[in-house]
Amino acid sequence: MRLDKFLKVSRLIKRRSVAKDACEGGRVRVNGQPAKPGKDVVPGDHLEITYGNRVLEVRVLETPHHVRAKCAPTLYEVIREDYQTPEDDLFAW
């Protein structure tokens, strides 16, 4: 399944067009590598998604093409969720 579609189906990102923009902007990584929206995602892949000051790392469990909203969280397992404060960025240089 395409990465942008998986992000939408799993409800990690609300809309597919937003998922596409996030991939093209370098805010989504698959197995440690920046990924394009058309990258194939398979169970076992690790995704790292950056939302502003939040970083979410998940492992893909399933890739169905359609799923009900209440079942969407069963498609992935959260590995790590971090929040960065603005002070963290000051000392990153």
Protein backbone atom coordinates (compact mmCIF):
# COMPACT_ATOMS: atom_id res chain seq x y z
CA MET A 1 0.00 0.00 0.00
CA ARG A 2 1.20 3.52 -0.75
CA LEU A 3 2.58 5.45 2.22
CA ASP A 4 0.24 8.43 1.81
CA LYS A 5 -2.79 6.12 1.67
CA PHE A 6 -1.65 4.17 4.76
CA LEU A 7 -1.25 7.40 6.73
CA LYS A 8 -4.82 8.35 5.82
CA VAL A 9 -6.40 4.90 6.35
CA SER A 10 -4.68 4.53 9.74
CA ARG A 11 -5.79 8.07 10.68
CA LEU A 12 -2.21 9.05 11.56
CA ILE A 13 -2.82 11.99 9.21
CA LYS A 14 -6.34 13.17 8.52
CA ARG A 15 -6.25 13.70 4.75
CA ARG A 16 -4.30 12.02 1.98
CA SER A 17 -3.29 15.35 0.45
CA VAL A 18 -1.85 16.43 3.82
CA ALA A 19 -0.03 13.07 4.06
CA LYS A 20 1.40 13.65 0.57
CA ASP A 21 2.62 17.12 1.55
CA ALA A 22 4.19 15.77 4.75
CA CYS A 23 6.09 13.12 2.77
CA GLU A 24 7.27 15.60 0.17
CA GLY A 25 8.34 17.97 2.97
CA GLY A 26 10.61 15.34 4.52
CA ARG A 27 8.52 14.94 7.68
CA VAL A 28 7.91 11.19 7.17
CA ARG A 29 10.64 8.53 7.29
CA VAL A 30 10.26 4.82 6.56
CA ASN A 31 12.86 2.55 8.16
CA GLY A 32 15.07 5.58 8.83
CA GLN A 33 14.99 6.92 5.26
CA PRO A 34 13.01 9.93 3.96
CA ALA A 35 10.09 8.58 1.97
CA LYS A 36 8.04 9.75 -0.99
CA PRO A 37 4.22 9.43 -0.93
CA GLY A 38 4.28 6.48 -3.35
CA LYS A 39 6.63 4.33 -1.25
CA ASP A 40 5.19 0.87 -0.59
CA VAL A 41 4.52 0.18 3.10
CA VAL A 42 4.43 -3.39 4.36
CA PRO A 43 3.80 -4.86 7.82
CA GLY A 44 6.94 -4.56 9.93
CA ASP A 45 8.03 -1.18 8.54
CA HIS A 46 8.92 1.56 11.02
CA LEU A 47 7.48 5.01 10.33
CA GLU A 48 8.67 8.23 11.94
CA ILE A 49 6.30 11.17 11.52
CA THR A 50 7.09 14.73 12.61
CA TYR A 51 4.11 16.96 13.44
CA GLY A 52 5.47 20.37 14.39
CA ASN A 53 7.12 19.78 17.77
CA ARG A 54 5.87 16.16 18.10
CA VAL A 55 7.66 13.07 16.78
CA LEU A 56 5.72 9.81 16.53
CA GLU A 57 7.39 6.50 15.70
CA VAL A 58 5.16 3.53 14.87
CA ARG A 59 5.50 -0.02 13.54
CA VAL A 60 3.09 -1.05 10.78
CA LEU A 61 1.03 -4.14 11.72
CA GLU A 62 -1.47 -4.35 8.84
CA THR A 63 -2.13 -2.59 5.54
CA PRO A 64 -5.83 -3.02 4.59
CA HIS A 65 -7.26 -0.63 2.02
CA HIS A 66 -10.32 0.26 4.11
CA VAL A 67 -10.97 0.17 7.84
CA ARG A 68 -13.52 1.68 10.22
CA ALA A 69 -12.36 4.65 12.27
CA LYS A 70 -12.55 2.80 15.59
CA CYS A 71 -10.31 0.01 14.21
CA ALA A 72 -7.67 2.35 12.73
CA PRO A 73 -5.35 2.22 15.80
CA THR A 74 -5.02 -1.56 15.33
CA LEU A 75 -3.06 -0.99 12.10
CA TYR A 76 0.04 0.23 13.92
CA GLU A 77 1.89 0.00 17.22
CA VAL A 78 3.29 3.16 18.82
CA ILE A 79 6.97 2.71 19.58
CA ARG A 80 7.88 6.22 20.68
CA GLU A 81 6.21 9.60 21.04
CA ASP A 82 8.32 12.64 21.89
CA TYR A 83 7.61 16.32 22.25
CA GLN A 84 10.27 18.96 21.72
CA THR A 85 10.13 22.26 23.52
CA PRO A 86 11.40 25.44 21.84
CA GLU A 87 14.37 25.41 24.28
CA ASP A 88 15.51 22.07 22.81
CA ASP A 89 15.96 23.76 19.43
CA LEU A 90 18.10 26.56 20.86
CA PHE A 91 20.92 24.22 21.76
CA ALA A 92 20.72 21.99 18.66
CA TRP A 93 23.50 23.84 16.85
